[in-house]
Amino acid sequence: MDHLDLDTIIAQITSSPNTRILNDFLKNIQPDTREVILASTLSSGQDPLNILDLRANSLGVLYILSARISVHGAVPPPWQVVDNFCQNFDQNQVRYAPERVILLGKNLSRLAAHYNNQIAAILPLRSLIQRFVPDPSCLTALHPQFLLLCVSSRRFADALPILTHPITSIDSTDMHYTDNLVYHYTGGIALAALKRWSAAEEFFDICVTAPGLVASAIQLEALKKMRLVQLIAKGKTEPLPKYALPNLTRLFKNTPYNTFANAYPSDVGTLRDIVKKDRQVFVTDKNVGLINQAIDRAPRWALKRLIGTYVTLNLTDIARQVKIDSVDHVREMLLNMIESNEISAQISANGTVTFSDPPPTITKTQVDALLRQVQVQSSLLTKLDLDVGKSREFLAKAVKLREDFGGGGGNTAEDFLLGSSMGAVVGGSGGEGGGVWVEEAGFTS
């Protein structure tokens, strides 16, 4: 490859009949030399991006864009070219070079900032992820980058097309342990900001229960937010599963969040006193918005606890029990809860409230939709079971266990593993990380 220049590379890109051969050619150029050449111009002074077809020459364009966007001092590619490429590249070509896709995606935000419009990177990056992955449920190193951008820009709804697909597989290209944690943590933040409480809890839970040697700071932050989301959505917290890291619970117990959760849904005054005492902690964690929403809903959860004990109550008694001074406020809250189908009750003219069991509201259409969802999940789990059973890691583990158990007879560890339903686990060994990336206003009611 003596006297290699960009003209020679462009000639190879436009004439190569085989994408794999072209990728091998580009990949085997000495890295430092390759990046400098790809970030340069043709001998005529032309921009190679004006010569190449974004779709027909997608692999070559990918190499050039990822070099131009990452090499210090290189002329940044035009934003319109980058945007068009992310929307229209040939998927089969770029999948030969996943490391270049990751390099391009991780630098999109910086390029957008160069053009003074960082938010502009959101949709191209989303398109790059959606078109690059062979399966929308595949986690890549770009997913946490995308969610960080959405959350820091407060464009929470833009993340939904990615967040609606549960993760079942991982592309390991430039992937790190904390990428899974950051993706599910920031995904939980976006969903909580959109008041999708159930989905937010699920994302935080995946982050909190990810396996590791020690608890990450990100996991503790996720646990704090998950507890607040649970209080808002359910009126109580739920114990962590046994496979969660035990020191996470110990760390959480030493925070004011634990005091707040234990007092919930006590009277609002008590909750406000707890918040006032450790307000700086909640402000630093940017959780005041979630705290305020939990406090606002506390009387509703206190009222729901009464429903489990009483059939009828006077408005004055309810006000005293839930620690609300105004009977009118209690009446307004009850009417709102009845209208939103949170409770089933009637208020008489003399102020007596009669509670009753809510009528069934599920329809045949909802039942059919739920059954279809169960069938889809069952098929997915079956596929995961087969994929894990065929994986090199599983087979190596099975062979080792067979050797450890002497390799004979029934009821061996291998028999147990092969007879068990295996699931994919997202995560790895321990790691450290931290930080909160969402503005407080994202959680205001």
Protein backbone atom coordinates (compact mmCIF):
# COMPACT_ATOMS: atom_id res chain seq x y z
CA MET A 1 0.00 0.00 0.00
CA ASP A 2 2.84 2.38 -0.84
CA HIS A 3 1.85 5.93 -1.86
CA LEU A 4 -1.72 5.32 -0.80
CA ASP A 5 -3.90 8.41 -1.10
CA LEU A 6 -7.58 9.25 -1.02
CA ASP A 7 -7.88 9.09 -4.82
CA THR A 8 -6.77 5.46 -4.72
CA ILE A 9 -9.20 4.64 -1.91
CA ILE A 10 -12.11 6.32 -3.73
CA ALA A 11 -11.28 4.36 -6.87
CA GLN A 12 -11.35 1.16 -4.81
CA ILE A 13 -14.68 2.14 -3.19
CA THR A 14 -16.38 2.84 -6.50
CA SER A 15 -15.00 -0.17 -8.34
CA SER A 16 -15.04 -2.95 -5.75
CA PRO A 17 -17.68 -5.56 -6.64
CA ASN A 18 -17.68 -7.13 -3.18
CA THR A 19 -18.49 -5.31 0.07
CA ARG A 20 -16.61 -7.77 2.26
CA ILE A 21 -13.44 -7.41 0.18
CA LEU A 22 -13.77 -3.62 0.28
CA ASN A 23 -14.17 -3.67 4.06
CA ASP A 24 -11.08 -5.89 4.41
CA PHE A 25 -9.12 -3.47 2.23
CA LEU A 26 -10.12 -0.43 4.28
CA LYS A 27 -9.77 -2.20 7.61
CA ASN A 28 -6.27 -3.45 6.86
CA ILE A 29 -4.82 0.00 6.14
CA GLN A 30 -2.57 1.13 9.01
CA PRO A 31 -5.09 2.86 11.34
CA ASP A 32 -3.34 6.20 11.87
CA THR A 33 -2.60 6.54 8.17
CA ARG A 34 -6.09 5.43 7.18
CA GLU A 35 -7.90 7.98 9.36
CA VAL A 36 -5.76 10.89 8.15
CA ILE A 37 -6.24 9.94 4.50
CA LEU A 38 -10.01 9.38 4.86
CA ALA A 39 -10.38 12.78 6.53
CA SER A 40 -8.59 14.57 3.65
CA THR A 41 -9.75 15.80 0.24
CA LEU A 42 -9.04 14.49 -3.25
CA SER A 43 -5.96 15.69 -5.14
CA SER A 44 -8.30 17.89 -7.19
CA GLY A 45 -9.51 19.56 -3.99
CA GLN A 46 -12.97 17.99 -4.29
CA ASP A 47 -14.86 16.66 -1.32
CA PRO A 48 -15.16 12.88 -1.84
CA LEU A 49 -18.64 13.01 -0.33
CA ASN A 50 -19.76 14.94 -3.41
CA ILE A 51 -18.62 12.07 -5.65
CA LEU A 52 -19.82 9.00 -3.77
CA ASP A 53 -23.43 7.82 -3.77
CA LEU A 54 -24.66 7.63 -0.18
CA ARG A 55 -26.52 4.39 -0.79
CA ALA A 56 -24.54 2.61 -3.49
CA ASN A 57 -21.25 3.40 -1.71
CA SER A 58 -22.57 3.25 1.87
CA LEU A 59 -19.56 1.41 3.31
CA GLY A 60 -17.07 3.85 1.83
CA VAL A 61 -19.13 6.85 2.90
CA LEU A 62 -19.34 5.39 6.42
CA TYR A 63 -15.55 5.15 6.65
CA ILE A 64 -15.10 8.71 5.41
CA LEU A 65 -17.82 10.22 7.62
CA SER A 66 -16.58 8.46 10.75
CA ALA A 67 -13.03 9.67 10.03
CA ARG A 68 -14.05 13.26 9.24
CA ILE A 69 -16.22 13.43 12.35
CA SER A 70 -13.57 12.07 14.74
CA VAL A 71 -10.12 13.16 13.45
CA HIS A 72 -8.92 16.32 15.17
CA GLY A 73 -8.59 19.23 12.78
CA ALA A 74 -10.47 17.53 9.92
CA VAL A 75 -13.05 19.52 7.95
CA PRO A 76 -16.44 18.52 9.42
CA PRO A 77 -18.77 16.88 6.90
CA PRO A 78 -21.88 18.89 5.93
CA TRP A 79 -24.71 18.17 8.35
CA GLN A 80 -27.16 17.50 5.53
CA VAL A 81 -24.89 14.76 4.18
CA VAL A 82 -24.66 13.10 7.59
CA ASP A 83 -28.42 13.34 8.11
CA ASN A 84 -29.17 11.89 4.67
CA PHE A 85 -26.71 9.06 5.24
CA CYS A 86 -28.30 8.05 8.57
CA GLN A 87 -31.72 7.96 6.92
CA ASN A 88 -30.76 6.14 3.70
CA PHE A 89 -27.60 4.01 4.03
CA ASP A 90 -27.52 0.44 2.74
CA GLN A 91 -27.93 -1.68 5.85
CA ASN A 92 -26.20 -4.76 4.46
CA GLN A 93 -23.09 -2.76 3.59
CA VAL A 94 -22.59 -0.93 6.88
CA ARG A 95 -23.08 -4.07 8.97
CA TYR A 96 -19.68 -5.20 7.71
CA ALA A 97 -18.15 -2.39 9.79
CA PRO A 98 -20.04 -2.11 13.10
CA GLU A 99 -17.11 -0.38 14.76
CA ARG A 100 -17.37 2.47 12.22
CA VAL A 101 -21.11 2.81 12.85
CA ILE A 102 -20.41 3.13 16.57
CA LEU A 103 -17.64 5.67 15.90
CA LEU A 104 -19.98 7.76 13.74
CA GLY A 105 -22.89 7.57 16.18
CA LYS A 106 -20.83 8.48 19.23
CA ASN A 107 -19.61 11.66 17.52
CA LEU A 108 -22.93 12.84 16.06
CA SER A 109 -23.75 14.92 19.10
CA ARG A 110 -20.37 16.67 18.95
CA LEU A 111 -20.84 17.42 15.24
CA ALA A 112 -24.31 18.84 15.89
CA ALA A 113 -22.83 21.01 18.65
CA HIS A 114 -20.25 22.25 16.13
CA TYR A 115 -23.17 23.46 14.01
CA ASN A 116 -24.77 25.02 17.13
CA ASN A 117 -27.74 22.67 17.12
CA GLN A 118 -27.10 19.69 19.37
CA ILE A 119 -30.76 18.65 19.37
CA ALA A 120 -30.44 18.06 15.61
CA ALA A 121 -28.45 14.90 16.37
CA ILE A 122 -31.40 13.12 18.00
CA LEU A 123 -33.35 11.95 14.94
CA PRO A 124 -30.30 10.99 12.79
CA LEU A 125 -28.86 9.01 15.70
CA ARG A 126 -32.18 7.27 16.24
CA SER A 127 -32.36 6.38 12.55
CA LEU A 128 -28.78 5.13 12.64
CA ILE A 129 -29.62 2.80 15.54
CA GLN A 130 -32.91 1.58 14.06
CA ARG A 131 -31.44 0.84 10.64
CA PHE A 132 -28.15 -0.63 11.88
CA VAL A 133 -29.46 -3.24 14.32
CA PRO A 134 -30.79 -6.48 12.81
CA ASP A 135 -33.36 -6.64 15.61
CA PRO A 136 -34.98 -3.65 17.39
CA SER A 137 -34.49 -5.48 20.71
CA CYS A 138 -30.70 -5.51 20.28
CA LEU A 139 -28.73 -3.22 22.61
CA THR A 140 -25.75 -1.39 21.10
CA ALA A 141 -23.15 1.04 22.43
CA LEU A 142 -25.18 3.79 20.73
CA HIS A 143 -28.32 3.25 22.81
CA PRO A 144 -27.01 4.94 25.98
CA GLN A 145 -25.58 7.78 23.87
CA PHE A 146 -28.99 8.32 22.29
CA LEU A 147 -30.85 8.27 25.63
CA LEU A 148 -28.34 10.64 27.22
CA LEU A 149 -28.92 13.06 24.36
CA CYS A 150 -32.72 12.81 24.63
CA VAL A 151 -32.71 13.28 28.40
CA SER A 152 -30.18 16.12 28.48
CA SER A 153 -32.17 17.88 25.72
CA ARG A 154 -35.50 17.12 27.45
CA ARG A 155 -36.77 15.47 24.26
CA PHE A 156 -38.21 12.51 26.16
CA ALA A 157 -40.87 11.51 23.62
CA ASP A 158 -38.22 11.18 20.88
CA ALA A 159 -36.82 8.19 22.80
CA LEU A 160 -40.07 6.20 22.77
CA PRO A 161 -39.53 4.40 19.41
CA ILE A 162 -36.37 2.90 20.93
CA LEU A 163 -37.66 2.35 24.47
CA THR A 164 -40.74 0.40 23.41
CA HIS A 165 -38.58 -2.60 22.45
CA PRO A 166 -37.38 -4.67 25.45
CA ILE A 167 -33.73 -5.66 25.20
CA THR A 168 -33.16 -9.36 24.49
CA SER A 169 -29.73 -9.35 22.80
CA ILE A 170 -26.52 -7.33 22.74
CA ASP A 171 -24.16 -6.15 20.02
CA SER A 172 -20.79 -6.32 21.79
CA THR A 173 -19.02 -3.79 19.55
CA ASP A 174 -17.34 -1.25 21.88
CA MET A 175 -19.81 -2.28 24.58
CA HIS A 176 -19.05 -1.78 28.26
CA TYR A 177 -20.78 -3.01 31.42
CA THR A 178 -22.07 0.44 32.33
CA ASP A 179 -23.71 0.90 28.89
CA ASN A 180 -26.55 -1.39 29.96
CA LEU A 181 -26.90 0.50 33.25
CA VAL A 182 -26.85 3.94 31.61
CA TYR A 183 -29.37 2.91 28.94
CA HIS A 184 -31.93 1.56 31.38
CA TYR A 185 -31.33 4.34 33.91
CA THR A 186 -31.77 7.15 31.39
CA GLY A 187 -34.64 5.24 29.79
CA GLY A 188 -36.34 5.15 33.17
CA ILE A 189 -35.80 8.90 33.54
CA ALA A 190 -37.39 9.58 30.14
CA LEU A 191 -40.37 7.33 30.87
CA ALA A 192 -40.86 8.85 34.33
CA ALA A 193 -40.79 12.34 32.83
CA LEU A 194 -43.57 11.17 30.49
CA LYS A 195 -45.43 9.74 33.51
CA ARG A 196 -45.27 6.21 32.13
CA TRP A 197 -44.79 4.89 35.62
CA SER A 198 -44.99 1.15 35.01
CA ALA A 199 -42.48 1.23 32.17
CA ALA A 200 -40.20 3.59 34.12
CA GLU A 201 -40.21 1.22 37.10
CA GLU A 202 -39.32 -1.68 34.83
CA PHE A 203 -36.35 0.19 33.33
CA PHE A 204 -35.05 1.26 36.74
CA ASP A 205 -35.52 -2.30 37.99
CA ILE A 206 -33.41 -3.74 35.15
CA CYS A 207 -30.66 -1.28 36.02
CA VAL A 208 -30.89 -1.94 39.77
CA THR A 209 -30.84 -5.75 39.45
CA ALA A 210 -28.10 -6.01 36.82
CA PRO A 211 -25.52 -8.56 37.99
CA GLY A 212 -22.10 -7.44 39.13
CA LEU A 213 -19.45 -7.82 41.79
CA VAL A 214 -20.25 -4.53 43.51
CA ALA A 215 -23.08 -2.04 43.21
CA SER A 216 -22.51 0.78 40.77
CA ALA A 217 -23.32 4.37 41.70
CA ILE A 218 -25.73 4.37 38.73
CA GLN A 219 -27.63 1.48 40.31
CA LEU A 220 -28.04 3.36 43.58
CA GLU A 221 -29.36 6.40 41.70
CA ALA A 222 -31.75 4.13 39.79
CA LEU A 223 -32.96 2.60 43.06
CA LYS A 224 -33.71 6.04 44.51
CA LYS A 225 -35.81 6.96 41.48
CA MET A 226 -37.48 3.55 41.33
CA ARG A 227 -38.64 3.89 44.94
CA LEU A 228 -40.15 7.31 44.22
CA VAL A 229 -41.84 6.01 41.06
CA GLN A 230 -43.30 3.11 43.06
CA LEU A 231 -44.68 5.50 45.67
CA ILE A 232 -46.30 7.62 42.96
CA ALA A 233 -47.76 4.70 41.01
CA LYS A 234 -48.52 2.18 43.78
CA GLY A 235 -48.44 4.04 47.06
CA LYS A 236 -45.78 1.71 48.46
CA THR A 237 -42.36 0.23 47.67
CA GLU A 238 -41.67 -3.40 46.89
CA PRO A 239 -38.72 -5.51 48.11
CA LEU A 240 -35.86 -6.12 45.72
CA PRO A 241 -35.55 -9.64 44.32
CA LYS A 242 -33.07 -11.99 45.99
CA TYR A 243 -30.68 -11.81 43.04
CA ALA A 244 -30.15 -8.06 43.50
CA LEU A 245 -26.82 -7.04 45.01
CA PRO A 246 -27.32 -7.08 48.81
CA ASN A 247 -25.16 -4.01 49.46
CA LEU A 248 -27.57 -1.92 47.36
CA THR A 249 -30.26 -2.31 50.02
CA ARG A 250 -27.78 -1.40 52.74
CA LEU A 251 -26.67 1.70 50.85
CA PHE A 252 -30.28 2.76 50.26
CA LYS A 253 -31.19 2.39 53.94
CA ASN A 254 -28.61 5.07 54.76
CA THR A 255 -30.33 7.66 52.54
CA PRO A 256 -33.23 10.03 53.33
CA TYR A 257 -35.17 8.28 50.55
CA ASN A 258 -35.58 5.30 52.87
CA THR A 259 -36.96 7.54 55.63
CA PHE A 260 -39.36 9.13 53.15
CA ALA A 261 -40.56 5.76 51.81
CA ASN A 262 -41.09 4.35 55.33
CA ALA A 263 -43.24 7.35 56.30
CA TYR A 264 -45.31 7.24 53.10
CA PRO A 265 -48.24 7.90 52.78
CA SER A 266 -48.21 9.61 56.17
CA ASP A 267 -49.72 13.05 56.45
CA VAL A 268 -48.29 15.57 54.00
CA GLY A 269 -46.84 17.66 56.82
CA THR A 270 -44.64 14.79 58.02
CA LEU A 271 -43.44 14.07 54.49
CA ARG A 272 -42.64 17.74 53.90
CA ASP A 273 -40.65 17.86 57.14
CA ILE A 274 -38.54 14.92 55.94
CA VAL A 275 -37.92 16.64 52.62
CA LYS A 276 -37.10 19.95 54.30
CA LYS A 277 -34.52 18.30 56.56
CA ASP A 278 -32.59 16.71 53.67
CA ARG A 279 -33.67 18.97 50.84
CA GLN A 280 -30.13 19.49 49.57
CA VAL A 281 -29.77 15.74 48.97
CA PHE A 282 -32.93 15.65 46.86
CA VAL A 283 -31.89 18.81 45.00
CA THR A 284 -28.42 17.43 44.25
CA ASP A 285 -29.96 14.18 42.95
CA LYS A 286 -32.49 16.22 40.92
CA ASN A 287 -35.34 14.23 42.42
CA VAL A 288 -37.38 17.08 43.91
CA GLY A 289 -39.89 16.81 41.04
CA LEU A 290 -40.57 13.13 41.79
CA ILE A 291 -40.66 13.88 45.53
CA ASN A 292 -43.29 16.58 45.00
CA GLN A 293 -45.43 14.29 42.85
CA ALA A 294 -45.22 11.58 45.51
CA ILE A 295 -46.31 14.09 48.18
CA ASP A 296 -49.19 15.31 45.99
CA ARG A 297 -50.48 11.75 45.64
CA ALA A 298 -49.98 10.80 49.29
CA PRO A 299 -53.56 11.76 50.38
CA ARG A 300 -54.98 9.58 47.59
CA TRP A 301 -53.01 6.56 48.77
CA ALA A 302 -53.95 7.26 52.38
CA LEU A 303 -57.60 7.34 51.28
CA LYS A 304 -57.24 4.06 49.40
CA ARG A 305 -55.98 2.45 52.58
CA LEU A 306 -59.18 3.57 54.31
CA ILE A 307 -61.27 1.89 51.61
CA GLY A 308 -59.81 -1.44 52.66
CA THR A 309 -61.16 -0.89 56.19
CA TYR A 310 -64.39 1.13 55.85
CA VAL A 311 -67.49 0.85 53.66
CA THR A 312 -68.84 4.30 54.56
CA LEU A 313 -67.16 7.39 55.95
CA ASN A 314 -68.11 11.01 56.41
CA LEU A 315 -66.12 13.63 54.52
CA THR A 316 -65.06 15.15 57.85
CA ASP A 317 -63.73 11.78 59.05
CA ILE A 318 -61.83 11.30 55.80
CA ALA A 319 -60.29 14.75 56.10
CA ARG A 320 -59.13 13.95 59.62
CA GLN A 321 -57.74 10.52 58.66
CA VAL A 322 -55.76 11.72 55.64
CA LYS A 323 -54.66 14.92 57.41
CA ILE A 324 -56.37 17.41 55.07
CA ASP A 325 -57.76 20.59 56.65
CA SER A 326 -60.41 21.38 54.03
CA VAL A 327 -63.50 19.21 53.56
CA ASP A 328 -63.99 20.85 50.17
CA HIS A 329 -60.50 19.71 49.20
CA VAL A 330 -61.39 16.15 50.22
CA ARG A 331 -64.62 16.30 48.17
CA GLU A 332 -62.71 17.57 45.13
CA MET A 333 -60.10 14.82 45.50
CA LEU A 334 -62.79 12.13 45.79
CA LEU A 335 -64.66 13.38 42.72
CA ASN A 336 -61.42 13.42 40.77
CA MET A 337 -60.56 9.87 41.84
CA ILE A 338 -64.06 8.65 40.95
CA GLU A 339 -63.90 10.33 37.55
CA SER A 340 -60.51 8.77 36.80
CA ASN A 341 -61.77 5.31 37.92
CA GLU A 342 -59.23 5.13 40.75
CA ILE A 343 -62.04 4.30 43.19
CA SER A 344 -65.73 3.45 43.04
CA ALA A 345 -67.77 5.55 45.48
CA GLN A 346 -70.82 7.74 45.93
CA ILE A 347 -71.07 10.98 47.92
CA SER A 348 -74.48 11.70 49.50
CA ALA A 349 -75.94 15.14 50.12
CA ASN A 350 -75.07 14.96 53.84
CA GLY A 351 -71.40 14.25 53.09
CA THR A 352 -71.42 10.48 53.62
CA VAL A 353 -69.15 8.58 51.24
CA THR A 354 -70.07 5.00 50.37
CA PHE A 355 -67.33 2.88 48.83
CA SER A 356 -67.96 -0.13 46.61
CA ASP A 357 -65.99 -2.58 44.52
CA PRO A 358 -65.31 -1.17 41.06
CA PRO A 359 -67.21 -2.88 38.23
CA PRO A 360 -65.10 -4.98 35.84
CA THR A 361 -63.85 -2.84 32.99
CA ILE A 362 -61.85 -5.30 30.91
CA THR A 363 -63.23 -5.95 27.42
CA LYS A 364 -62.93 -8.88 25.04
CA THR A 365 -60.66 -6.77 22.85
CA GLN A 366 -58.33 -6.20 25.78
CA VAL A 367 -58.33 -9.91 26.62
CA ASP A 368 -57.50 -10.81 23.01
CA ALA A 369 -54.70 -8.24 22.94
CA LEU A 370 -53.29 -9.62 26.18
CA LEU A 371 -53.38 -13.18 24.85
CA ARG A 372 -51.56 -12.09 21.70
CA GLN A 373 -48.94 -10.39 23.83
CA VAL A 374 -48.50 -13.56 25.89
CA GLN A 375 -48.06 -15.60 22.70
CA VAL A 376 -45.43 -13.19 21.41
CA GLN A 377 -43.55 -13.28 24.72
CA SER A 378 -43.76 -17.08 24.81
CA SER A 379 -42.30 -17.32 21.31
CA LEU A 380 -39.57 -14.87 22.28
CA LEU A 381 -38.64 -16.86 25.38
CA THR A 382 -38.56 -20.08 23.35
CA LYS A 383 -36.19 -18.46 20.87
CA LEU A 384 -33.99 -17.14 23.67
CA ASP A 385 -33.91 -20.60 25.23
CA LEU A 386 -32.73 -22.13 21.95
CA ASP A 387 -30.19 -19.37 21.31
CA VAL A 388 -28.68 -19.72 24.78
CA GLY A 389 -28.60 -23.51 24.42
CA LYS A 390 -26.59 -23.15 21.20
CA SER A 391 -24.23 -20.45 22.47
CA ARG A 392 -20.54 -21.12 22.89
CA GLU A 393 -20.56 -19.81 26.46
CA PHE A 394 -23.40 -22.13 27.51
CA LEU A 395 -21.87 -25.19 25.85
CA ALA A 396 -18.46 -24.49 27.42
CA LYS A 397 -20.12 -24.15 30.83
CA ALA A 398 -22.10 -27.35 30.31
CA VAL A 399 -18.96 -29.28 29.33
CA LYS A 400 -17.07 -27.95 32.35
CA LEU A 401 -19.90 -28.88 34.69
CA ARG A 402 -20.04 -32.32 33.15
CA GLU A 403 -16.33 -32.78 33.78
CA ASP A 404 -16.66 -31.45 37.34
CA PHE A 405 -19.46 -33.92 38.05
CA GLY A 406 -17.58 -36.87 36.58
CA GLY A 407 -19.43 -36.94 33.27
CA GLY A 408 -21.74 -39.85 34.02
CA GLY A 409 -25.11 -40.85 35.36
CA GLY A 410 -28.27 -38.90 35.59
CA ASN A 411 -29.21 -35.91 37.64
CA THR A 412 -25.93 -34.11 36.89
CA ALA A 413 -25.54 -30.36 36.84
CA GLU A 414 -25.55 -30.54 33.04
CA ASP A 415 -28.87 -32.36 33.09
CA PHE A 416 -30.22 -29.66 35.35
CA LEU A 417 -28.99 -26.85 33.10
CA LEU A 418 -30.19 -28.45 29.89
CA GLY A 419 -33.54 -29.13 31.41
CA SER A 420 -33.97 -25.59 32.64
CA SER A 421 -35.44 -22.70 30.77
CA MET A 422 -32.55 -20.36 30.17
CA GLY A 423 -32.89 -16.61 29.81
CA ALA A 424 -30.57 -13.96 28.54
CA VAL A 425 -29.00 -11.77 31.21
CA VAL A 426 -27.95 -8.28 30.28
CA GLY A 427 -24.90 -7.24 32.22
CA GLY A 428 -21.46 -8.35 33.31
CA SER A 429 -18.91 -7.78 36.01
CA GLY A 430 -18.99 -4.83 38.31
CA GLY A 431 -18.34 -1.28 37.33
CA GLU A 432 -18.52 2.23 38.62
CA GLY A 433 -20.38 5.19 37.29
CA GLY A 434 -22.75 7.87 38.35
CA GLY A 435 -24.32 11.18 37.67
CA VAL A 436 -27.77 12.44 36.90
CA TRP A 437 -28.51 13.98 33.55
CA VAL A 438 -32.06 15.27 33.66
CA GLU A 439 -33.20 18.75 34.50
CA GLU A 440 -35.49 18.96 37.49
CA ALA A 441 -38.34 20.42 35.44
CA GLY A 442 -38.65 17.08 33.65
CA PHE A 443 -40.31 15.59 36.71
CA THR A 444 -42.66 18.40 37.63
CA SER A 445 -46.33 17.62 37.66
